[in-house]
C-alpha atoms as a PDB file:
ATOM      1  CA  UNK A   1      70.246  14.656  61.962  1.00  0.00           C
ATOM      2  CA  UNK A   2      69.634  18.697  60.732  1.00  0.00           C
ATOM      3  CA  UNK A   3      72.182  18.354  57.765  1.00  0.00           C
ATOM      4  CA  UNK A   4      70.368  14.877  56.616  1.00  0.00           C
ATOM      5  CA  UNK A   5      66.928  17.596  56.846  1.00  0.00           C
ATOM      6  CA  UNK A   6      68.743  19.771  54.728  1.00  0.00           C
ATOM      7  CA  UNK A   7      70.627  17.056  52.167  1.00  0.00           C
ATOM      8  CA  UNK A   8      67.117  15.785  51.904  1.00  0.00           C
ATOM      9  CA  UNK A   9      65.005  18.620  51.251  1.00  0.00           C
ATOM     10  CA  UNK A  10      67.893  19.636  48.513  1.00  0.00           C
ATOM     11  CA  UNK A  11      67.315  16.591  46.440  1.00  0.00           C
ATOM     12  CA  UNK A  12      64.006  15.398  47.254  1.00  0.00           C
ATOM     13  CA  UNK A  13      64.710  12.207  48.081  1.00  0.00           C
ATOM     14  CA  UNK A  14      64.086   9.783  51.590  1.00  0.00           C
ATOM     15  CA  UNK A  15      67.264  10.200  54.280  1.00  0.00           C
ATOM     16  CA  UNK A  16      67.863   6.913  56.141  1.00  0.00           C
ATOM     17  CA  UNK A  17      70.218   7.248  59.369  1.00  0.00           C
ATOM     18  CA  UNK A  18      70.412   4.963  62.793  1.00  0.00           C
ATOM     19  CA  UNK A  19      69.234   6.763  66.439  1.00  0.00           C
ATOM     20  CA  UNK A  20      69.822   5.363  69.411  1.00  0.00           C
ATOM     21  CA  UNK A  21      66.973   6.026  71.606  1.00  0.00           C
ATOM     22  CA  UNK A  22      66.457   6.197  75.321  1.00  0.00           C
ATOM     23  CA  UNK A  23      63.522   4.644  77.216  1.00  0.00           C
ATOM     24  CA  UNK A  24      62.188   5.778  80.401  1.00  0.00           C
ATOM     25  CA  UNK A  25      63.144   2.669  81.909  1.00  0.00           C
ATOM     26  CA  UNK A  26      66.899   3.814  80.916  1.00  0.00           C
ATOM     27  CA  UNK A  27      66.870   0.874  77.920  1.00  0.00           C
ATOM     28  CA  UNK A  28      68.862   1.879  74.945  1.00  0.00           C
ATOM     29  CA  UNK A  29      67.448   0.850  72.116  1.00  0.00           C
ATOM     30  CA  UNK A  30      68.553   1.384  68.204  1.00  0.00           C
ATOM     31  CA  UNK A  31      66.433   2.504  65.483  1.00  0.00           C
ATOM     32  CA  UNK A  32      67.135   2.666  61.755  1.00  0.00           C
ATOM     33  CA  UNK A  33      64.974   5.374  60.233  1.00  0.00           C
ATOM     34  CA  UNK A  34      64.100   6.190  56.818  1.00  0.00           C
ATOM     35  CA  UNK A  35      62.212   9.535  56.632  1.00  0.00           C
ATOM     36  CA  UNK A  36      61.392  12.105  54.383  1.00  0.00           C
ATOM     37  CA  UNK A  37      61.037  15.364  55.778  1.00  0.00           C
ATOM     38  CA  UNK A  38      57.759  17.522  54.546  1.00  0.00           C
ATOM     39  CA  UNK A  39      57.175  21.554  54.514  1.00  0.00           C
ATOM     40  CA  UNK A  40      54.798  23.627  55.603  1.00  0.00           C
ATOM     41  CA  UNK A  41      54.803  27.467  55.080  1.00  0.00           C
ATOM     42  CA  UNK A  42      58.459  27.254  53.981  1.00  0.00           C
ATOM     43  CA  UNK A  43      59.746  25.237  56.603  1.00  0.00           C
ATOM     44  CA  UNK A  44      60.488  21.734  56.996  1.00  0.00           C
ATOM     45  CA  UNK A  45      58.091  20.715  60.310  1.00  0.00           C
ATOM     46  CA  UNK A  46      58.161  17.063  60.404  1.00  0.00           C
ATOM     47  CA  UNK A  47      59.868  13.911  59.054  1.00  0.00           C
ATOM     48  CA  UNK A  48      57.471  11.082  58.035  1.00  0.00           C
ATOM     49  CA  UNK A  49      58.661   7.258  57.482  1.00  0.00           C
ATOM     50  CA  UNK A  50      59.349   4.207  58.910  1.00  0.00           C
ATOM     51  CA  UNK A  51      61.636   3.470  62.312  1.00  0.00           C
ATOM     52  CA  UNK A  52      62.672  -0.178  62.629  1.00  0.00           C
ATOM     53  CA  UNK A  53      64.346  -1.839  66.107  1.00  0.00           C
ATOM     54  CA  UNK A  54      67.422  -3.207  64.659  1.00  0.00           C
ATOM     55  CA  UNK A  55      68.989  -3.044  69.067  1.00  0.00           C
ATOM     56  CA  UNK A  56      69.775  -6.985  68.249  1.00  0.00           C
ATOM     57  CA  UNK A  57      71.537  -6.884  65.457  1.00  0.00           C
ATOM     58  CA  UNK A  58      73.617  -3.762  66.857  1.00  0.00           C
ATOM     59  CA  UNK A  59      74.784  -5.616  69.499  1.00  0.00           C
ATOM     60  CA  UNK A  60      75.490  -8.510  67.300  1.00  0.00           C
ATOM     61  CA  UNK A  61      78.236  -6.488  65.702  1.00  0.00           C
ATOM     62  CA  UNK A  62      79.581  -5.386  68.287  1.00  0.00           C
ATOM     63  CA  UNK A  63      80.122  -9.005  69.830  1.00  0.00           C
ATOM     64  CA  UNK A  64      81.477  -9.819  66.579  1.00  0.00           C
ATOM     65  CA  UNK A  65      83.949  -6.574  66.451  1.00  0.00           C
ATOM     66  CA  UNK A  66      84.696  -7.778  69.477  1.00  0.00           C
ATOM     67  CA  UNK A  67      85.761 -11.147  68.971  1.00  0.00           C
ATOM     68  CA  UNK A  68      87.579 -10.424  65.872  1.00  0.00           C
ATOM     69  CA  UNK A  69      89.751  -7.565  67.733  1.00  0.00           C
ATOM     70  CA  UNK A  70      90.102  -9.828  71.121  1.00  0.00           C
ATOM     71  CA  UNK A  71      91.885 -12.655  72.297  1.00  0.00           C
ATOM     72  CA  UNK A  72      89.140 -15.206  73.992  1.00  0.00           C
ATOM     73  CA  UNK A  73      90.998 -16.110  77.109  1.00  0.00           C
ATOM     74  CA  UNK A  74      92.564 -13.056  78.758  1.00  0.00           C
ATOM     75  CA  UNK A  75      90.340 -10.173  76.665  1.00  0.00           C
ATOM     76  CA  UNK A  76      93.111  -8.594  75.320  1.00  0.00           C
ATOM     77  CA  UNK A  77      94.074  -7.304  71.977  1.00  0.00           C
ATOM     78  CA  UNK A  78      94.956  -9.523  69.518  1.00  0.00           C
ATOM     79  CA  UNK A  79      98.051  -9.884  67.323  1.00  0.00           C
ATOM     80  CA  UNK A  80      96.197  -8.361  64.283  1.00  0.00           C
ATOM     81  CA  UNK A  81      94.530  -5.608  65.938  1.00  0.00           C
ATOM     82  CA  UNK A  82      97.696  -4.815  68.330  1.00  0.00           C
ATOM     83  CA  UNK A  83      99.693  -4.477  64.612  1.00  0.00           C
ATOM     84  CA  UNK A  84      97.040  -1.537  63.515  1.00  0.00           C
ATOM     85  CA  UNK A  85      97.408   0.285  66.633  1.00  0.00           C
ATOM     86  CA  UNK A  86     101.451   0.166  66.993  1.00  0.00           C
ATOM     87  CA  UNK A  87     101.204   0.930  63.288  1.00  0.00           C
ATOM     88  CA  UNK A  88      99.137   4.288  64.068  1.00  0.00           C
ATOM     89  CA  UNK A  89     101.282   5.354  67.262  1.00  0.00           C
ATOM     90  CA  UNK A  90     104.191   5.070  65.483  1.00  0.00           C
ATOM     91  CA  UNK A  91     103.359   7.083  62.245  1.00  0.00           C
ATOM     92  CA  UNK A  92     101.830   9.523  65.090  1.00  0.00           C
ATOM     93  CA  UNK A  93     105.227   9.781  66.870  1.00  0.00           C
ATOM     94  CA  UNK A  94     107.072  10.274  63.309  1.00  0.00           C
ATOM     95  CA  UNK A  95     104.314  13.437  62.773  1.00  0.00           C
ATOM     96  CA  UNK A  96     104.249  14.539  65.750  1.00  0.00           C
ATOM     97  CA  UNK A  97     107.842  14.293  67.374  1.00  0.00           C
ATOM     98  CA  UNK A  98     106.648  11.543  69.976  1.00  0.00           C
ATOM     99  CA  UNK A  99     108.234   8.988  71.979  1.00  0.00           C
ATOM    100  CA  UNK A 100     107.398   5.726  73.826  1.00  0.00           C
ATOM    101  CA  UNK A 101     108.484   2.088  73.882  1.00  0.00           C
ATOM    102  CA  UNK A 102     107.387  -1.590  72.539  1.00  0.00           C
ATOM    103  CA  UNK A 103     107.470  -3.717  75.805  1.00  0.00           C
ATOM    104  CA  UNK A 104     107.598  -7.685  74.457  1.00  0.00           C
ATOM    105  CA  UNK A 105     106.929 -10.372  77.391  1.00  0.00           C
ATOM    106  CA  UNK A 106     106.728 -13.558  77.719  1.00  0.00           C
ATOM    107  CA  UNK A 107     106.729 -16.995  80.205  1.00  0.00           C
ATOM    108  CA  UNK A 108     109.797 -18.639  81.022  1.00  0.00           C
ATOM    109  CA  UNK A 109     108.973 -22.336  80.737  1.00  0.00           C
ATOM    110  CA  UNK A 110     105.656 -22.294  79.906  1.00  0.00           C
ATOM    111  CA  UNK A 111     105.107 -25.491  77.749  1.00  0.00           C
ATOM    112  CA  UNK A 112     106.852 -27.215  81.412  1.00  0.00           C
ATOM    113  CA  UNK A 113     103.459 -25.423  83.184  1.00  0.00           C
ATOM    114  CA  UNK A 114     101.459 -26.968  80.455  1.00  0.00           C
ATOM    115  CA  UNK A 115     103.008 -30.784  80.398  1.00  0.00           C
ATOM    116  CA  UNK A 116     103.013 -30.667  84.006  1.00  0.00           C
ATOM    117  CA  UNK A 117     100.367 -29.037  85.652  1.00  0.00           C
ATOM    118  CA  UNK A 118      97.834 -29.138  82.645  1.00  0.00           C
ATOM    119  CA  UNK A 119      96.151 -26.657  80.672  1.00  0.00           C
ATOM    120  CA  UNK A 120      93.825 -24.727  82.941  1.00  0.00           C
ATOM    121  CA  UNK A 121      97.445 -24.227  84.744  1.00  0.00           C
ATOM    122  CA  UNK A 122      98.734 -22.762  81.810  1.00  0.00           C
ATOM    123  CA  UNK A 123      95.856 -20.585  81.526  1.00  0.00           C
ATOM    124  CA  UNK A 124      95.613 -19.341  84.501  1.00  0.00           C
ATOM    125  CA  UNK A 125      99.422 -18.336  84.355  1.00  0.00           C
ATOM    126  CA  UNK A 126      98.495 -16.321  81.626  1.00  0.00           C
ATOM    127  CA  UNK A 127      95.744 -14.450  82.997  1.00  0.00           C
ATOM    128  CA  UNK A 128      97.995 -13.957  85.837  1.00  0.00           C
ATOM    129  CA  UNK A 129     100.567 -12.112  83.037  1.00  0.00           C
ATOM    130  CA  UNK A 130      97.672 -10.546  81.927  1.00  0.00           C
ATOM    131  CA  UNK A 131      96.341  -9.106  85.027  1.00  0.00           C
ATOM    132  CA  UNK A 132      99.691  -8.083  86.181  1.00  0.00           C
ATOM    133  CA  UNK A 133     100.227  -6.147  82.868  1.00  0.00           C
ATOM    134  CA  UNK A 134      96.772  -4.120  83.306  1.00  0.00           C
ATOM    135  CA  UNK A 135      97.472  -3.392  86.811  1.00  0.00           C
ATOM    136  CA  UNK A 136     100.771  -1.726  85.965  1.00  0.00           C
ATOM    137  CA  UNK A 137     100.171  -0.032  82.696  1.00  0.00           C
ATOM    138  CA  UNK A 138      97.922   3.312  82.126  1.00  0.00           C
ATOM    139  CA  UNK A 139      94.055   3.806  80.144  1.00  0.00           C
ATOM    140  CA  UNK A 140      96.534   5.005  76.973  1.00  0.00           C
ATOM    141  CA  UNK A 141      98.710   1.930  76.864  1.00  0.00           C
ATOM    142  CA  UNK A 142      98.084  -0.469  74.270  1.00  0.00           C
ATOM    143  CA  UNK A 143      97.722  -4.451  75.923  1.00  0.00           C
ATOM    144  CA  UNK A 144      97.822  -7.191  73.614  1.00  0.00           C
ATOM    145  CA  UNK A 145      98.157 -11.134  73.894  1.00  0.00           C
ATOM    146  CA  UNK A 146      99.938 -11.883  70.748  1.00  0.00           C
ATOM    147  CA  UNK A 147      99.674 -15.865  70.930  1.00  0.00           C
ATOM    148  CA  UNK A 148     100.943 -18.229  72.645  1.00  0.00           C
ATOM    149  CA  UNK A 149     102.517 -17.044  75.878  1.00  0.00           C
ATOM    150  CA  UNK A 150     103.638 -13.495  74.056  1.00  0.00           C
ATOM    151  CA  UNK A 151     102.410 -10.198  75.402  1.00  0.00           C
ATOM    152  CA  UNK A 152     102.625  -6.703  73.808  1.00  0.00           C
ATOM    153  CA  UNK A 153     102.838  -3.541  75.673  1.00  0.00           C
ATOM    154  CA  UNK A 154     102.809  -0.264  73.938  1.00  0.00           C
ATOM    155  CA  UNK A 155     104.100   2.483  76.371  1.00  0.00           C
ATOM    156  CA  UNK A 156     102.641   5.997  75.053  1.00  0.00           C
ATOM    157  CA  UNK A 157     105.112   9.174  75.886  1.00  0.00           C
ATOM    158  CA  UNK A 158     107.753   6.574  78.048  1.00  0.00           C
ATOM    159  CA  UNK A 159     111.309   6.896  77.793  1.00  0.00           C
ATOM    160  CA  UNK A 160     113.391   3.674  77.872  1.00  0.00           C
ATOM    161  CA  UNK A 161     114.079   4.116  81.359  1.00  0.00           C
ATOM    162  CA  UNK A 162     110.422   4.466  82.321  1.00  0.00           C
ATOM    163  CA  UNK A 163     109.404   1.318  80.535  1.00  0.00           C
ATOM    164  CA  UNK A 164     112.636  -0.673  82.144  1.00  0.00           C
ATOM    165  CA  UNK A 165     110.948   0.440  85.371  1.00  0.00           C
ATOM    166  CA  UNK A 166     107.161  -0.674  84.226  1.00  0.00           C
ATOM    167  CA  UNK A 167     108.330  -3.917  82.829  1.00  0.00           C
ATOM    168  CA  UNK A 168     110.576  -4.605  86.563  1.00  0.00           C
ATOM    169  CA  UNK A 169     107.281  -4.160  87.921  1.00  0.00           C
ATOM    170  CA  UNK A 170     105.439  -6.334  86.146  1.00  0.00           C
ATOM    171  CA  UNK A 171     107.833  -9.322  86.610  1.00  0.00           C
ATOM    172  CA  UNK A 172     107.525  -8.819  89.814  1.00  0.00           C
ATOM    173  CA  UNK A 173     103.737  -8.003  89.950  1.00  0.00           C
ATOM    174  CA  UNK A 174     103.621 -11.626  88.271  1.00  0.00           C
ATOM    175  CA  UNK A 175     106.352 -13.305  90.669  1.00  0.00           C
ATOM    176  CA  UNK A 176     104.405 -12.288  93.705  1.00  0.00           C
ATOM    177  CA  UNK A 177     100.923 -13.957  92.814  1.00  0.00           C
ATOM    178  CA  UNK A 178     100.591 -17.149  94.939  1.00  0.00           C
ATOM    179  CA  UNK A 179     100.341 -19.444  92.241  1.00  0.00           C
ATOM    180  CA  UNK A 180     100.358 -23.174  92.345  1.00  0.00           C
ATOM    181  CA  UNK A 181     104.093 -23.415  90.075  1.00  0.00           C
ATOM    182  CA  UNK A 182     105.630 -19.951  90.291  1.00  0.00           C
ATOM    183  CA  UNK A 183     106.586 -17.999  87.358  1.00  0.00           C
ATOM    184  CA  UNK A 184     108.345 -16.149  85.408  1.00  0.00           C
ATOM    185  CA  UNK A 185     108.303 -13.386  83.058  1.00  0.00           C
ATOM    186  CA  UNK A 186     111.155 -12.214  80.161  1.00  0.00           C
ATOM    187  CA  UNK A 187     110.929  -9.131  78.013  1.00  0.00           C
ATOM    188  CA  UNK A 188     112.272  -7.281  75.439  1.00  0.00           C
ATOM    189  CA  UNK A 189     111.938  -3.537  74.827  1.00  0.00           C
ATOM    190  CA  UNK A 190     112.366  -0.793  72.224  1.00  0.00           C
ATOM    191  CA  UNK A 191     112.292   2.490  72.312  1.00  0.00           C
ATOM    192  CA  UNK A 192     111.169   4.172  69.793  1.00  0.00           C
ATOM    193  CA  UNK A 193     110.613   8.155  68.702  1.00  0.00           C
ATOM    194  CA  UNK A 194     110.696  10.732  65.903  1.00  0.00           C
ATOM    195  CA  UNK A 195     113.952   9.806  65.162  1.00  0.00           C
ATOM    196  CA  UNK A 196     113.197   5.915  64.404  1.00  0.00           C
ATOM    197  CA  UNK A 197     111.227   5.516  61.062  1.00  0.00           C
ATOM    198  CA  UNK A 198     109.898   2.362  62.199  1.00  0.00           C
ATOM    199  CA  UNK A 199     106.819   0.088  61.071  1.00  0.00           C
ATOM    200  CA  UNK A 200     105.078  -1.733  62.880  1.00  0.00           C
ATOM    201  CA  UNK A 201     106.312  -5.286  61.795  1.00  0.00           C
ATOM    202  CA  UNK A 202     110.203  -4.140  62.566  1.00  0.00           C
ATOM    203  CA  UNK A 203     109.245  -2.624  65.573  1.00  0.00           C
ATOM    204  CA  UNK A 204     107.633  -5.756  66.651  1.00  0.00           C
ATOM    205  CA  UNK A 205     110.810  -8.043  65.199  1.00  0.00           C
ATOM    206  CA  UNK A 206     113.092  -5.907  66.886  1.00  0.00           C
ATOM    207  CA  UNK A 207     111.239  -6.587  70.185  1.00  0.00           C
ATOM    208  CA  UNK A 208     111.207 -10.016  69.698  1.00  0.00           C
ATOM    209  CA  UNK A 209     114.913 -10.482  69.063  1.00  0.00           C
ATOM    210  CA  UNK A 210     115.462  -8.078  72.429  1.00  0.00           C
ATOM    211  CA  UNK A 211     113.051 -10.680  74.386  1.00  0.00           C
END
């Protein structure tokens, strides 16, 4: 805000900014302010302008951004957003000598679950796998549903042995669920580090082959 005021004083033009305002009852509102600082005794003493409440618009923007990035059934990242995240992680691994692993997972005989028990049962199986993954990974790991019954996980700073343990724990977590039709998970694994110059598409293809 101070930088905007100083720039406005130099240019003589008004400035526009968004501000979060916390009301006395704790509610947070978002305002867009169009202001011009006014001088007194050689100093900027106040700003004069208008404030427009754009809280509803900001909430809509946030909701639309979430829809664009997330799978509606599981709430996980979708394929597009996951590819963006993976690309950045692989780039950092090469630049900063980091390592990790990409896991690809899918449900065995998923089509049979849909065909014999219905799509509601299939959706429940997908949510079960999603929950089993989230319960096992760390906060900094990236999880996505790529489409259909295919999921992906990036395990940061994990070697191949640790990634295998995580994969087996997820498989066991799914198998332990009390579902109408038992489901099983197959996993594919691709480790990466600064010595493997992978692009996101190449890594996902390799993990899919491993799967």
